[in-house]
Amino acid sequence: MAKKAAPKKKAPAKKAVAKKAPAKKAPAKKVAAKKAPAKKVAAKKAAPKKATGPIKEKMTKSQILNEIATATDLNRKQVSAVMDELESLIARSVSKKGLGEFTVPGLMKVVTVKKPARKARKGINPFTGQETTFKAKPASIAVKVRPLKKLKEFAS
């Protein structure tokens, strides 16, 4: 004899539950220079002013990112992402299978130059004056960076 399937029970009706608004994240803290905390308040009210004076000391990557972030009203993570993408673009352009050149408009042009292999040769050591043999060098690729018009104008 075949067994009859038991009748299925109905699922209880779900009650409408009021959804809670998602908790808001705390606003990101802006990193400000330690020397002038008063400027931090002024920067929020008015548009940020670009620093026009010459830079007298070498800047680290972190300092460059902070400087760009404050000048453009972007957060540091966004500026870092842009810099990483620029690095990626240059790497893909000058790689073995890439175009071999990359231009940052108005500033610089990065170009790869193929250097042929050099045979071993005899020559005179300029320091001692003795005859020596210079080793052979394999073919290689050199990277050259050429300044463009704007960069030359900045320097003069």
N, C-alpha and C. Protein backbone atom coordinates (compact mmCIF):
# COMPACT_ATOMS: atom_id res chain seq x y z
N MET A 1 0.84 -1.18 0.00
CA MET A 1 0.00 0.00 0.00
C MET A 1 0.88 1.23 0.00
N ALA A 2 0.45 2.18 -0.73
CA ALA A 2 1.18 3.45 -0.79
C ALA A 2 0.74 4.35 0.33
N LYS A 3 1.72 5.00 0.92
CA LYS A 3 1.39 5.91 2.01
C LYS A 3 0.98 7.25 1.43
N LYS A 4 0.04 7.86 2.09
CA LYS A 4 -0.40 9.18 1.65
C LYS A 4 0.52 10.22 2.27
N ALA A 5 0.79 11.26 1.48
CA ALA A 5 1.64 12.34 1.99
C ALA A 5 0.85 13.14 3.00
N ALA A 6 1.52 13.49 4.08
CA ALA A 6 0.86 14.27 5.12
C ALA A 6 0.60 15.67 4.59
N PRO A 7 -0.56 16.25 4.93
CA PRO A 7 -0.84 17.60 4.45
C PRO A 7 0.17 18.58 5.04
N LYS A 8 0.66 19.53 4.17
CA LYS A 8 1.66 20.51 4.60
C LYS A 8 1.01 21.58 5.45
N LYS A 9 1.73 21.96 6.50
CA LYS A 9 1.22 23.02 7.36
C LYS A 9 1.60 24.36 6.76
N LYS A 10 0.72 25.32 6.93
CA LYS A 10 1.00 26.66 6.43
C LYS A 10 1.97 27.35 7.37
N ALA A 11 2.88 28.10 6.77
CA ALA A 11 3.84 28.85 7.58
C ALA A 11 3.11 30.04 8.19
N PRO A 12 3.41 30.35 9.44
CA PRO A 12 2.73 31.49 10.06
C PRO A 12 3.10 32.78 9.32
N ALA A 13 2.13 33.66 9.20
CA ALA A 13 2.34 34.92 8.48
C ALA A 13 3.38 35.75 9.23
N LYS A 14 4.30 36.34 8.44
CA LYS A 14 5.35 37.16 9.05
C LYS A 14 4.80 38.54 9.35
N LYS A 15 5.18 39.03 10.50
CA LYS A 15 4.75 40.37 10.88
C LYS A 15 5.71 41.39 10.28
N ALA A 16 5.19 42.53 9.89
CA ALA A 16 6.03 43.59 9.35
C ALA A 16 6.85 44.18 10.49
N VAL A 17 8.15 44.15 10.33
CA VAL A 17 9.04 44.67 11.36
C VAL A 17 9.60 46.00 10.88
N ALA A 18 9.51 46.99 11.72
CA ALA A 18 10.06 48.30 11.36
C ALA A 18 11.57 48.19 11.34
N LYS A 19 12.18 48.59 10.21
CA LYS A 19 13.63 48.52 10.08
C LYS A 19 14.27 49.70 10.78
N LYS A 20 15.35 49.40 11.45
CA LYS A 20 16.09 50.47 12.12
C LYS A 20 17.04 51.12 11.12
N ALA A 21 17.24 52.41 11.25
CA ALA A 21 18.18 53.12 10.39
C ALA A 21 19.59 52.64 10.73
N PRO A 22 20.44 52.41 9.71
CA PRO A 22 21.79 51.94 10.01
C PRO A 22 22.55 53.00 10.80
N ALA A 23 23.37 52.51 11.71
CA ALA A 23 24.13 53.43 12.56
C ALA A 23 25.10 54.22 11.69
N LYS A 24 25.19 55.52 11.92
CA LYS A 24 26.09 56.36 11.14
C LYS A 24 27.50 56.20 11.66
N LYS A 25 28.44 56.20 10.72
CA LYS A 25 29.84 56.10 11.10
C LYS A 25 30.31 57.46 11.57
N ALA A 26 31.28 57.45 12.44
CA ALA A 26 31.86 58.71 12.91
C ALA A 26 32.58 59.36 11.74
N PRO A 27 32.50 60.68 11.59
CA PRO A 27 33.16 61.34 10.48
C PRO A 27 34.67 61.13 10.56
N ALA A 28 35.30 60.99 9.37
CA ALA A 28 36.73 60.76 9.33
C ALA A 28 37.47 61.96 9.87
N LYS A 29 38.50 61.68 10.66
CA LYS A 29 39.28 62.77 11.23
C LYS A 29 40.29 63.25 10.20
N LYS A 30 40.40 64.56 10.07
CA LYS A 30 41.37 65.12 9.14
C LYS A 30 42.68 65.35 9.88
N VAL A 31 43.77 64.98 9.20
CA VAL A 31 45.07 65.18 9.79
C VAL A 31 45.49 66.62 9.50
N ALA A 32 45.82 67.37 10.53
CA ALA A 32 46.22 68.76 10.35
C ALA A 32 47.64 68.94 10.84
N ALA A 33 48.27 69.98 10.36
CA ALA A 33 49.62 70.27 10.80
C ALA A 33 49.61 70.61 12.28
N LYS A 34 50.62 70.14 13.01
CA LYS A 34 50.66 70.36 14.46
C LYS A 34 50.98 71.81 14.80
N LYS A 35 51.65 72.51 13.89
CA LYS A 35 52.11 73.86 14.17
C LYS A 35 50.97 74.87 14.23
N ALA A 36 49.97 74.71 13.35
CA ALA A 36 48.94 75.74 13.25
C ALA A 36 47.54 75.15 13.37
N PRO A 37 47.04 74.86 14.59
CA PRO A 37 45.70 74.32 14.72
C PRO A 37 44.62 75.35 14.41
N ALA A 38 44.93 76.64 14.47
CA ALA A 38 43.94 77.68 14.19
C ALA A 38 43.55 77.65 12.71
N LYS A 39 44.46 77.29 11.83
CA LYS A 39 44.16 77.24 10.40
C LYS A 39 43.16 76.14 10.09
N LYS A 40 43.13 75.08 10.90
CA LYS A 40 42.22 73.97 10.68
C LYS A 40 40.77 74.43 10.72
N VAL A 41 40.43 75.30 11.66
CA VAL A 41 39.08 75.82 11.80
C VAL A 41 38.75 76.72 10.62
N ALA A 42 39.70 77.55 10.20
CA ALA A 42 39.48 78.46 9.10
C ALA A 42 39.30 77.70 7.79
N ALA A 43 39.98 76.57 7.64
CA ALA A 43 39.90 75.80 6.41
C ALA A 43 38.50 75.21 6.21
N LYS A 44 37.79 74.91 7.29
CA LYS A 44 36.45 74.34 7.16
C LYS A 44 35.45 75.38 6.68
N LYS A 45 35.63 76.63 7.09
CA LYS A 45 34.68 77.68 6.73
C LYS A 45 34.91 78.18 5.31
N ALA A 46 36.16 78.42 4.94
CA ALA A 46 36.48 78.95 3.63
C ALA A 46 37.16 77.88 2.79
N ALA A 47 37.24 78.14 1.49
CA ALA A 47 37.92 77.21 0.61
C ALA A 47 39.40 77.19 0.97
N PRO A 48 40.04 76.02 0.90
CA PRO A 48 41.44 75.95 1.27
C PRO A 48 42.31 76.76 0.31
N LYS A 49 43.29 77.46 0.88
CA LYS A 49 44.19 78.26 0.06
C LYS A 49 45.38 77.41 -0.34
N LYS A 50 45.84 77.61 -1.56
CA LYS A 50 47.01 76.87 -2.02
C LYS A 50 48.26 77.55 -1.49
N ALA A 51 49.19 76.74 -1.01
CA ALA A 51 50.46 77.29 -0.55
C ALA A 51 51.27 77.65 -1.78
N THR A 52 51.77 78.87 -1.83
CA THR A 52 52.48 79.32 -3.02
C THR A 52 53.97 79.45 -2.81
N GLY A 53 54.44 79.39 -1.59
CA GLY A 53 55.86 79.57 -1.32
C GLY A 53 56.68 78.37 -1.76
N PRO A 54 57.98 78.58 -1.95
CA PRO A 54 58.84 77.46 -2.34
C PRO A 54 59.01 76.47 -1.19
N ILE A 55 59.21 75.22 -1.53
CA ILE A 55 59.43 74.17 -0.52
C ILE A 55 60.94 74.06 -0.33
N LYS A 56 61.38 74.19 0.91
CA LYS A 56 62.82 74.26 1.21
C LYS A 56 63.44 72.92 1.58
N GLU A 57 62.62 71.92 1.95
CA GLU A 57 63.14 70.63 2.39
C GLU A 57 62.54 69.49 1.57
N LYS A 58 63.23 68.35 1.56
CA LYS A 58 62.71 67.17 0.87
C LYS A 58 61.42 66.73 1.56
N MET A 59 60.47 66.25 0.75
CA MET A 59 59.20 65.77 1.31
C MET A 59 59.14 64.26 1.19
N THR A 60 58.61 63.62 2.23
CA THR A 60 58.40 62.18 2.19
C THR A 60 57.10 61.90 1.43
N LYS A 61 56.87 60.65 1.12
CA LYS A 61 55.64 60.28 0.42
C LYS A 61 54.43 60.67 1.26
N SER A 62 54.51 60.45 2.56
CA SER A 62 53.41 60.78 3.46
C SER A 62 53.13 62.28 3.46
N GLN A 63 54.18 63.08 3.48
CA GLN A 63 54.01 64.53 3.45
C GLN A 63 53.38 64.99 2.13
N ILE A 64 53.79 64.38 1.04
CA ILE A 64 53.23 64.73 -0.27
C ILE A 64 51.74 64.39 -0.30
N LEU A 65 51.38 63.21 0.18
CA LEU A 65 49.97 62.81 0.20
C LEU A 65 49.14 63.76 1.06
N ASN A 66 49.65 64.14 2.22
CA ASN A 66 48.93 65.07 3.09
C ASN A 66 48.77 66.43 2.44
N GLU A 67 49.81 66.91 1.78
CA GLU A 67 49.77 68.22 1.12
C GLU A 67 48.72 68.23 0.01
N ILE A 68 48.70 67.18 -0.80
CA ILE A 68 47.72 67.10 -1.89
C ILE A 68 46.31 66.97 -1.32
N ALA A 69 46.16 66.19 -0.27
CA ALA A 69 44.84 65.98 0.35
C ALA A 69 44.27 67.30 0.87
N THR A 70 45.09 68.10 1.54
CA THR A 70 44.58 69.37 2.08
C THR A 70 44.30 70.37 0.97
N ALA A 71 45.06 70.33 -0.11
CA ALA A 71 44.87 71.29 -1.20
C ALA A 71 43.65 70.96 -2.06
N THR A 72 43.24 69.69 -2.10
CA THR A 72 42.16 69.29 -3.00
C THR A 72 40.87 68.88 -2.31
N ASP A 73 40.81 68.93 -1.00
CA ASP A 73 39.63 68.51 -0.24
C ASP A 73 39.29 67.04 -0.43
N LEU A 74 40.29 66.23 -0.77
CA LEU A 74 40.11 64.78 -0.83
C LEU A 74 40.72 64.21 0.44
N ASN A 75 40.26 63.03 0.82
CA ASN A 75 40.90 62.44 1.99
C ASN A 75 42.19 61.73 1.56
N ARG A 76 43.00 61.40 2.53
CA ARG A 76 44.33 60.86 2.25
C ARG A 76 44.26 59.52 1.51
N LYS A 77 43.26 58.71 1.82
CA LYS A 77 43.11 57.42 1.15
C LYS A 77 42.83 57.60 -0.33
N GLN A 78 42.01 58.58 -0.67
CA GLN A 78 41.69 58.83 -2.08
C GLN A 78 42.94 59.29 -2.83
N VAL A 79 43.70 60.19 -2.23
CA VAL A 79 44.92 60.68 -2.86
C VAL A 79 45.91 59.53 -3.03
N SER A 80 46.02 58.68 -2.02
CA SER A 80 46.91 57.53 -2.09
C SER A 80 46.49 56.59 -3.22
N ALA A 81 45.18 56.40 -3.38
CA ALA A 81 44.68 55.53 -4.45
C ALA A 81 45.02 56.11 -5.82
N VAL A 82 44.93 57.43 -5.97
CA VAL A 82 45.27 58.08 -7.24
C VAL A 82 46.76 57.89 -7.53
N MET A 83 47.60 58.07 -6.53
CA MET A 83 49.04 57.91 -6.72
C MET A 83 49.38 56.46 -7.08
N ASP A 84 48.73 55.51 -6.43
CA ASP A 84 48.97 54.10 -6.74
C ASP A 84 48.55 53.77 -8.17
N GLU A 85 47.44 54.34 -8.61
CA GLU A 85 46.97 54.10 -9.98
C GLU A 85 47.92 54.73 -11.00
N LEU A 86 48.45 55.91 -10.70
CA LEU A 86 49.43 56.55 -11.58
C LEU A 86 50.67 55.68 -11.70
N GLU A 87 51.11 55.14 -10.58
CA GLU A 87 52.26 54.23 -10.57
C GLU A 87 51.98 53.00 -11.44
N SER A 88 50.76 52.47 -11.32
CA SER A 88 50.37 51.30 -12.10
C SER A 88 50.35 51.61 -13.60
N LEU A 89 49.84 52.78 -13.96
CA LEU A 89 49.80 53.19 -15.37
C LEU A 89 51.21 53.29 -15.95
N ILE A 90 52.11 53.89 -15.21
CA ILE A 90 53.49 54.03 -15.68
C ILE A 90 54.13 52.65 -15.82
N ALA A 91 53.92 51.78 -14.83
CA ALA A 91 54.50 50.43 -14.87
C ALA A 91 53.99 49.65 -16.08
N ARG A 92 52.69 49.74 -16.36
CA ARG A 92 52.13 49.02 -17.50
C ARG A 92 52.63 49.59 -18.83
N SER A 93 52.89 50.89 -18.87
CA SER A 93 53.34 51.53 -20.11
C SER A 93 54.79 51.21 -20.43
N VAL A 94 55.65 51.15 -19.43
CA VAL A 94 57.07 50.93 -19.68
C VAL A 94 57.49 49.47 -19.52
N SER A 95 56.54 48.57 -19.28
CA SER A 95 56.87 47.16 -19.14
C SER A 95 57.33 46.59 -20.48
N LYS A 96 57.81 45.34 -20.47
CA LYS A 96 58.33 44.71 -21.69
C LYS A 96 57.34 44.74 -22.85
N LYS A 97 56.10 44.40 -22.56
CA LYS A 97 55.10 44.34 -23.63
C LYS A 97 54.32 45.65 -23.77
N GLY A 98 54.66 46.64 -22.97
CA GLY A 98 53.97 47.93 -23.01
C GLY A 98 54.46 48.80 -24.15
N LEU A 99 53.92 49.99 -24.24
CA LEU A 99 54.25 50.95 -25.29
C LEU A 99 55.70 51.40 -25.22
N GLY A 100 56.23 51.56 -24.03
CA GLY A 100 57.61 51.99 -23.89
C GLY A 100 57.75 53.45 -23.55
N GLU A 101 56.63 54.15 -23.42
CA GLU A 101 56.69 55.55 -23.01
C GLU A 101 55.41 55.94 -22.28
N PHE A 102 55.54 56.93 -21.40
CA PHE A 102 54.40 57.43 -20.64
C PHE A 102 54.61 58.92 -20.42
N THR A 103 53.57 59.72 -20.64
CA THR A 103 53.68 61.16 -20.48
C THR A 103 52.75 61.65 -19.39
N VAL A 104 53.30 62.42 -18.46
CA VAL A 104 52.49 63.16 -17.50
C VAL A 104 52.37 64.54 -18.14
N PRO A 105 51.20 64.87 -18.71
CA PRO A 105 51.06 66.05 -19.56
C PRO A 105 51.65 67.33 -18.95
N GLY A 106 52.54 67.95 -19.72
CA GLY A 106 53.15 69.20 -19.31
C GLY A 106 54.33 69.05 -18.37
N LEU A 107 54.47 67.91 -17.69
CA LEU A 107 55.52 67.78 -16.69
C LEU A 107 56.70 66.93 -17.15
N MET A 108 56.43 65.68 -17.52
CA MET A 108 57.55 64.80 -17.87
C MET A 108 57.11 63.68 -18.79
N LYS A 109 58.11 63.11 -19.44
CA LYS A 109 57.88 61.97 -20.32
C LYS A 109 58.86 60.88 -19.92
N VAL A 110 58.33 59.68 -19.66
CA VAL A 110 59.14 58.53 -19.27
C VAL A 110 59.27 57.63 -20.50
N VAL A 111 60.51 57.34 -20.91
CA VAL A 111 60.75 56.57 -22.13
C VAL A 111 61.73 55.44 -21.83
N THR A 112 61.50 54.28 -22.46
CA THR A 112 62.46 53.18 -22.33
C THR A 112 63.36 53.17 -23.57
N VAL A 113 64.65 52.90 -23.35
CA VAL A 113 65.62 52.85 -24.44
C VAL A 113 66.31 51.50 -24.41
N LYS A 114 66.33 50.81 -25.55
CA LYS A 114 66.98 49.50 -25.62
C LYS A 114 68.48 49.70 -25.85
N LYS A 115 69.29 49.12 -24.96
CA LYS A 115 70.75 49.19 -25.08
C LYS A 115 71.23 47.84 -25.62
N PRO A 116 71.98 47.83 -26.72
CA PRO A 116 72.44 46.55 -27.28
C PRO A 116 73.53 45.91 -26.41
N ALA A 117 73.75 44.63 -26.65
CA ALA A 117 74.80 43.90 -25.92
C ALA A 117 76.16 44.41 -26.37
N ARG A 118 77.13 44.40 -25.45
CA ARG A 118 78.49 44.84 -25.77
C ARG A 118 79.45 43.67 -25.57
N LYS A 119 80.36 43.50 -26.52
CA LYS A 119 81.34 42.42 -26.43
C LYS A 119 82.43 42.78 -25.45
N ALA A 120 83.13 41.76 -24.97
CA ALA A 120 84.29 42.00 -24.11
C ALA A 120 85.36 42.68 -24.96
N ARG A 121 86.08 43.62 -24.37
CA ARG A 121 87.08 44.36 -25.15
C ARG A 121 88.28 44.69 -24.26
N LYS A 122 89.38 44.99 -24.95
CA LYS A 122 90.58 45.39 -24.23
C LYS A 122 90.62 46.91 -24.21
N GLY A 123 91.10 47.43 -23.10
CA GLY A 123 91.21 48.88 -22.97
C GLY A 123 92.21 49.22 -21.89
N ILE A 124 92.40 50.52 -21.68
CA ILE A 124 93.35 50.98 -20.68
C ILE A 124 92.58 51.49 -19.47
N ASN A 125 92.97 50.99 -18.30
CA ASN A 125 92.37 51.45 -17.05
C ASN A 125 92.78 52.90 -16.84
N PRO A 126 91.82 53.84 -16.77
CA PRO A 126 92.19 55.25 -16.66
C PRO A 126 92.89 55.61 -15.35
N PHE A 127 92.72 54.80 -14.31
CA PHE A 127 93.34 55.12 -13.02
C PHE A 127 94.80 54.66 -12.95
N THR A 128 95.06 53.45 -13.46
CA THR A 128 96.42 52.90 -13.33
C THR A 128 97.21 53.00 -14.62
N GLY A 129 96.55 53.15 -15.75
CA GLY A 129 97.25 53.20 -17.04
C GLY A 129 97.58 51.83 -17.59
N GLN A 130 97.20 50.75 -16.90
CA GLN A 130 97.49 49.40 -17.36
C GLN A 130 96.41 48.93 -18.32
N GLU A 131 96.81 48.02 -19.21
CA GLU A 131 95.86 47.46 -20.16
C GLU A 131 95.04 46.37 -19.47
N THR A 132 93.72 46.44 -19.60
CA THR A 132 92.83 45.45 -18.98
C THR A 132 91.76 45.04 -19.98
N THR A 133 91.01 43.98 -19.63
CA THR A 133 89.87 43.59 -20.46
C THR A 133 88.60 43.95 -19.72
N PHE A 134 87.71 44.61 -20.44
CA PHE A 134 86.41 44.97 -19.88
C PHE A 134 85.42 43.87 -20.22
N LYS A 135 84.63 43.46 -19.25
CA LYS A 135 83.69 42.35 -19.41
C LYS A 135 82.60 42.69 -20.42
N ALA A 136 82.03 41.64 -21.00
CA ALA A 136 80.90 41.81 -21.91
C ALA A 136 79.66 42.18 -21.11
N LYS A 137 78.79 42.97 -21.71
CA LYS A 137 77.54 43.37 -21.05
C LYS A 137 76.36 42.88 -21.89
N PRO A 138 75.36 42.28 -21.25
CA PRO A 138 74.19 41.82 -22.00
C PRO A 138 73.31 43.01 -22.42
N ALA A 139 72.42 42.74 -23.36
CA ALA A 139 71.47 43.78 -23.78
C ALA A 139 70.59 44.14 -22.59
N SER A 140 70.23 45.41 -22.50
CA SER A 140 69.40 45.84 -21.38
C SER A 140 68.46 46.96 -21.82
N ILE A 141 67.57 47.31 -20.93
CA ILE A 141 66.62 48.38 -21.19
C ILE A 141 66.82 49.46 -20.13
N ALA A 142 67.07 50.68 -20.59
CA ALA A 142 67.25 51.81 -19.68
C ALA A 142 65.98 52.66 -19.69
N VAL A 143 65.71 53.31 -18.57
CA VAL A 143 64.55 54.19 -18.46
C VAL A 143 65.05 55.62 -18.39
N LYS A 144 64.53 56.48 -19.25
CA LYS A 144 64.92 57.89 -19.25
C LYS A 144 63.69 58.73 -18.97
N VAL A 145 63.89 59.79 -18.19
CA VAL A 145 62.80 60.71 -17.87
C VAL A 145 63.18 62.08 -18.41
N ARG A 146 62.33 62.59 -19.31
CA ARG A 146 62.59 63.90 -19.92
C ARG A 146 61.65 64.94 -19.34
N PRO A 147 62.17 66.09 -18.92
CA PRO A 147 61.27 67.15 -18.45
C PRO A 147 60.58 67.82 -19.63
N LEU A 148 59.34 68.23 -19.43
CA LEU A 148 58.60 68.93 -20.47
C LEU A 148 58.49 70.42 -20.12
N LYS A 149 57.81 71.17 -20.95
CA LYS A 149 57.80 72.63 -20.88
C LYS A 149 57.47 73.20 -19.50
N LYS A 150 56.36 72.77 -18.90
CA LYS A 150 55.96 73.33 -17.60
C LYS A 150 57.02 73.10 -16.54
N LEU A 151 57.59 71.89 -16.50
CA LEU A 151 58.59 71.57 -15.50
C LEU A 151 59.84 72.42 -15.68
N LYS A 152 60.22 72.67 -16.93
CA LYS A 152 61.38 73.53 -17.20
C LYS A 152 61.09 74.96 -16.75
N GLU A 153 59.85 75.42 -16.97
CA GLU A 153 59.49 76.78 -16.55
C GLU A 153 59.49 76.90 -15.03
N PHE A 154 59.07 75.86 -14.32
CA PHE A 154 59.07 75.89 -12.86
C PHE A 154 60.49 76.09 -12.32
N ALA A 155 61.46 75.44 -12.97
CA ALA A 155 62.84 75.49 -12.50
C ALA A 155 63.51 76.83 -12.78
N SER A 156 63.04 77.54 -13.79
CA SER A 156 63.71 78.81 -14.12
C SER A 156 63.04 80.00 -13.48
